[in-house]
């Protein structure tokens, strides 16, 4: 077995692609004190604030480095649906993004809750909402991807939710903490290696 070196300052992750090709049977949405609010035309700074709140612990950064124009082109596209998850006080605590731009596929582009809600069953509620919204007329496949930087429970959660793993890739990228895109102390489960090994 060969090991592939990852340069200091870079991060490597194994990405798993999962899909669901059969619409699930109707089932009740699990009870939750949360609500989904559709964001029809969110401003980039508002969107990024929620994206950061949900994704920072897992090194989500792709939408943080886009220009306002590029981000707006995606999140204002009529075929992309952005939902904020709100708690009883109306505070945004989660993000769901469905991408119908490549029909008959629907991609769950972003799916997550703030870390304080982990392990409380709210993910099941959000997934039930996601599947209910994703499977609509003309959709033949719903797919999602996760990686080894995400919560260790993420892959098993998607499989338990009815998705089947179909492909794996290795992704490498410059650590966003080094460039100051994310705080240096976020995602402590991913060691920050910004110095040569012999330094």
Protein backbone atom coordinates (compact mmCIF):
# COMPACT_ATOMS: atom_id res chain seq x y z
CA UNK A 1 0.00 0.00 0.00
CA UNK A 2 1.46 3.31 -1.08
CA UNK A 3 1.03 6.50 0.90
CA UNK A 4 0.69 9.82 -0.89
CA UNK A 5 2.41 12.73 0.80
CA UNK A 6 0.37 15.87 1.47
CA UNK A 7 2.42 19.05 1.44
CA UNK A 8 2.43 21.29 4.52
CA UNK A 9 -0.30 23.87 4.18
CA UNK A 10 -2.54 21.48 2.28
CA UNK A 11 -5.50 19.41 3.48
CA UNK A 12 -6.54 16.07 2.02
CA UNK A 13 -9.93 14.45 2.33
CA UNK A 14 -11.66 11.36 0.98
CA UNK A 15 -14.94 12.40 -0.62
CA UNK A 16 -17.76 9.86 -0.81
CA UNK A 17 -20.60 10.38 -3.29
CA UNK A 18 -23.96 8.88 -2.38
CA UNK A 19 -27.21 8.65 -4.27
CA UNK A 20 -30.84 7.65 -3.93
CA UNK A 21 -32.61 6.54 -7.08
CA UNK A 22 -36.00 5.53 -5.69
CA UNK A 23 -38.37 7.98 -4.10
CA UNK A 24 -38.90 6.99 -0.45
CA UNK A 25 -42.32 5.92 0.70
CA UNK A 26 -44.25 8.72 2.38
CA UNK A 27 -43.47 8.91 6.09
CA UNK A 28 -44.23 11.37 8.87
CA UNK A 29 -41.71 14.15 9.43
CA UNK A 30 -40.09 13.57 12.85
CA UNK A 31 -41.20 16.14 15.43
CA UNK A 32 -38.86 19.07 16.05
CA UNK A 33 -38.99 22.59 17.40
CA UNK A 34 -37.21 23.81 14.27
CA UNK A 35 -38.65 25.38 11.13
CA UNK A 36 -37.51 25.77 7.53
CA UNK A 37 -37.52 29.24 6.01
CA UNK A 38 -37.02 29.53 2.25
CA UNK A 39 -34.54 32.26 1.32
CA UNK A 40 -35.69 33.47 -2.09
CA UNK A 41 -32.93 35.99 -2.72
CA UNK A 42 -30.53 36.05 0.20
CA UNK A 43 -27.84 38.70 0.22
CA UNK A 44 -24.35 37.20 -0.05
CA UNK A 45 -23.23 38.44 3.38
CA UNK A 46 -26.32 37.01 5.09
CA UNK A 47 -25.86 33.69 3.31
CA UNK A 48 -22.15 33.54 4.14
CA UNK A 49 -22.83 34.23 7.82
CA UNK A 50 -25.08 31.18 8.06
CA UNK A 51 -22.75 29.10 5.87
CA UNK A 52 -19.89 29.95 8.24
CA UNK A 53 -21.95 29.29 11.39
CA UNK A 54 -22.88 25.81 10.18
CA UNK A 55 -19.76 24.81 8.25
CA UNK A 56 -16.79 26.37 10.02
CA UNK A 57 -16.26 23.36 12.33
CA UNK A 58 -15.92 21.17 9.21
CA UNK A 59 -13.75 23.53 7.14
CA UNK A 60 -16.53 24.59 4.78
CA UNK A 61 -15.06 27.51 2.87
CA UNK A 62 -16.01 27.24 -0.80
CA UNK A 63 -18.74 29.87 -0.62
CA UNK A 64 -16.62 32.18 1.53
CA UNK A 65 -14.03 32.74 -1.22
CA UNK A 66 -16.47 33.33 -4.08
CA UNK A 67 -17.10 36.83 -5.35
CA UNK A 68 -20.50 38.30 -4.54
CA UNK A 69 -21.41 38.00 -8.21
CA UNK A 70 -20.51 34.30 -8.44
CA UNK A 71 -22.28 33.43 -5.20
CA UNK A 72 -25.38 35.42 -6.12
CA UNK A 73 -25.54 33.69 -9.50
CA UNK A 74 -25.85 30.37 -7.67
CA UNK A 75 -28.09 31.16 -4.71
CA UNK A 76 -30.46 33.35 -6.77
CA UNK A 77 -30.73 30.80 -9.57
CA UNK A 78 -34.39 29.71 -9.88
CA UNK A 79 -33.22 26.07 -9.88
CA UNK A 80 -31.38 26.41 -6.54
CA UNK A 81 -33.37 26.47 -3.31
CA UNK A 82 -31.81 27.76 -0.10
CA UNK A 83 -33.48 27.12 3.25
CA UNK A 84 -32.46 28.40 6.64
CA UNK A 85 -33.30 26.23 9.62
CA UNK A 86 -34.61 28.41 12.43
CA UNK A 87 -35.12 27.68 16.11
CA UNK A 88 -38.19 28.80 18.15
CA UNK A 89 -36.59 32.23 18.66
CA UNK A 90 -36.15 32.67 14.90
CA UNK A 91 -32.36 32.26 15.03
CA UNK A 92 -30.81 30.53 12.01
CA UNK A 93 -29.24 27.28 13.17
CA UNK A 94 -28.97 25.24 9.99
CA UNK A 95 -28.70 25.28 6.23
CA UNK A 96 -30.27 23.19 3.49
CA UNK A 97 -29.49 23.84 -0.15
CA UNK A 98 -31.09 21.89 -2.99
CA UNK A 99 -29.71 22.18 -6.52
CA UNK A 100 -32.02 21.24 -9.40
CA UNK A 101 -29.84 22.74 -12.15
CA UNK A 102 -28.93 19.33 -13.60
CA UNK A 103 -32.33 17.70 -13.79
CA UNK A 104 -33.36 14.93 -13.51
CA UNK A 105 -30.82 15.03 -10.65
CA UNK A 106 -31.26 16.93 -7.43
CA UNK A 107 -28.12 17.54 -5.41
CA UNK A 108 -28.28 18.22 -1.71
CA UNK A 109 -25.57 20.83 -2.03
CA UNK A 110 -25.30 21.80 1.62
CA UNK A 111 -26.90 20.15 4.62
CA UNK A 112 -26.02 20.92 8.20
CA UNK A 113 -26.91 22.20 11.64
CA UNK A 114 -24.86 24.16 14.15
CA UNK A 115 -22.73 21.87 16.35
CA UNK A 116 -24.89 22.54 19.42
CA UNK A 117 -27.69 20.51 17.80
CA UNK A 118 -25.57 17.46 17.02
CA UNK A 119 -26.82 14.22 18.58
CA UNK A 120 -30.31 15.57 19.35
CA UNK A 121 -32.18 13.92 16.48
CA UNK A 122 -32.60 17.16 14.57
CA UNK A 123 -30.59 15.81 11.64
CA UNK A 124 -33.30 13.21 11.04
CA UNK A 125 -35.88 15.98 10.93
CA UNK A 126 -33.81 17.98 8.46
CA UNK A 127 -33.19 14.95 6.26
CA UNK A 128 -36.91 14.16 6.18
CA UNK A 129 -37.50 17.75 5.06
CA UNK A 130 -34.74 17.49 2.47
CA UNK A 131 -36.10 14.30 0.94
CA UNK A 132 -39.64 15.67 0.91
CA UNK A 133 -38.51 18.79 -0.93
CA UNK A 134 -36.02 17.07 -3.26
CA UNK A 135 -38.27 14.37 -4.61
CA UNK A 136 -40.63 16.20 -6.91
CA UNK A 137 -41.93 15.75 -10.42
CA UNK A 138 -39.15 14.93 -12.85
CA UNK A 139 -36.50 14.06 -10.26
CA UNK A 140 -34.96 10.63 -10.83
CA UNK A 141 -31.95 10.81 -8.55
CA UNK A 142 -31.11 12.66 -5.34
CA UNK A 143 -27.44 12.75 -4.47
CA UNK A 144 -25.12 14.14 -1.85
CA UNK A 145 -21.46 13.96 -0.97
CA UNK A 146 -19.59 13.98 2.29
CA UNK A 147 -15.94 13.78 3.20
CA UNK A 148 -13.62 12.73 5.97
CA UNK A 149 -13.46 16.32 7.24
CA UNK A 150 -17.16 16.20 8.12
CA UNK A 151 -18.61 14.82 11.31
CA UNK A 152 -17.57 11.17 11.76
CA UNK A 153 -21.27 10.35 11.92
CA UNK A 154 -22.11 11.96 8.56
CA UNK A 155 -21.42 9.03 6.21
CA UNK A 156 -23.31 6.54 8.36
CA UNK A 157 -26.17 9.02 8.71
CA UNK A 158 -26.57 9.36 4.95
CA UNK A 159 -26.48 5.60 4.46
CA UNK A 160 -29.04 5.09 7.24
CA UNK A 161 -31.18 7.75 5.54
CA UNK A 162 -31.37 5.59 2.41
CA UNK A 163 -28.45 6.80 0.30
CA UNK A 164 -26.05 4.34 -1.33
CA UNK A 165 -22.35 5.12 -1.71
CA UNK A 166 -21.36 5.01 -5.38
CA UNK A 167 -17.95 6.68 -5.74
CA UNK A 168 -14.92 7.94 -3.83
CA UNK A 169 -12.35 10.61 -4.64
CA UNK A 170 -9.40 12.20 -2.89
CA UNK A 171 -9.55 15.99 -2.72
CA UNK A 172 -6.66 18.25 -1.74
CA UNK A 173 -6.82 21.99 -1.18
CA UNK A 174 -4.93 24.78 0.53
CA UNK A 175 -5.87 24.94 4.20
CA UNK A 176 -8.29 27.90 4.48
CA UNK A 177 -7.11 28.59 8.04
CA UNK A 178 -3.64 29.55 6.83
CA UNK A 179 -5.02 32.18 4.45
CA UNK A 180 -7.23 33.58 7.21
CA UNK A 181 -10.47 32.51 5.51
CA UNK A 182 -11.36 30.53 8.64
CA UNK A 183 -10.00 30.90 12.19
CA UNK A 184 -6.84 28.94 12.94
CA UNK A 185 -8.50 27.21 15.89
CA UNK A 186 -11.55 25.87 14.02
CA UNK A 187 -11.82 22.19 13.03
CA UNK A 188 -9.36 20.93 15.67
CA UNK A 189 -9.93 17.38 14.39
CA UNK A 190 -7.92 18.41 11.30
CA UNK A 191 -4.36 19.22 12.42
CA UNK A 192 -3.04 22.50 11.10
CA UNK A 193 0.23 21.77 9.29
CA UNK A 194 1.60 25.03 8.04
CA UNK A 195 5.27 24.41 8.78
CA UNK A 196 7.64 21.97 7.05
CA UNK A 197 8.13 18.77 9.03
CA UNK A 198 11.82 19.53 9.66
CA UNK A 199 11.25 23.14 10.79
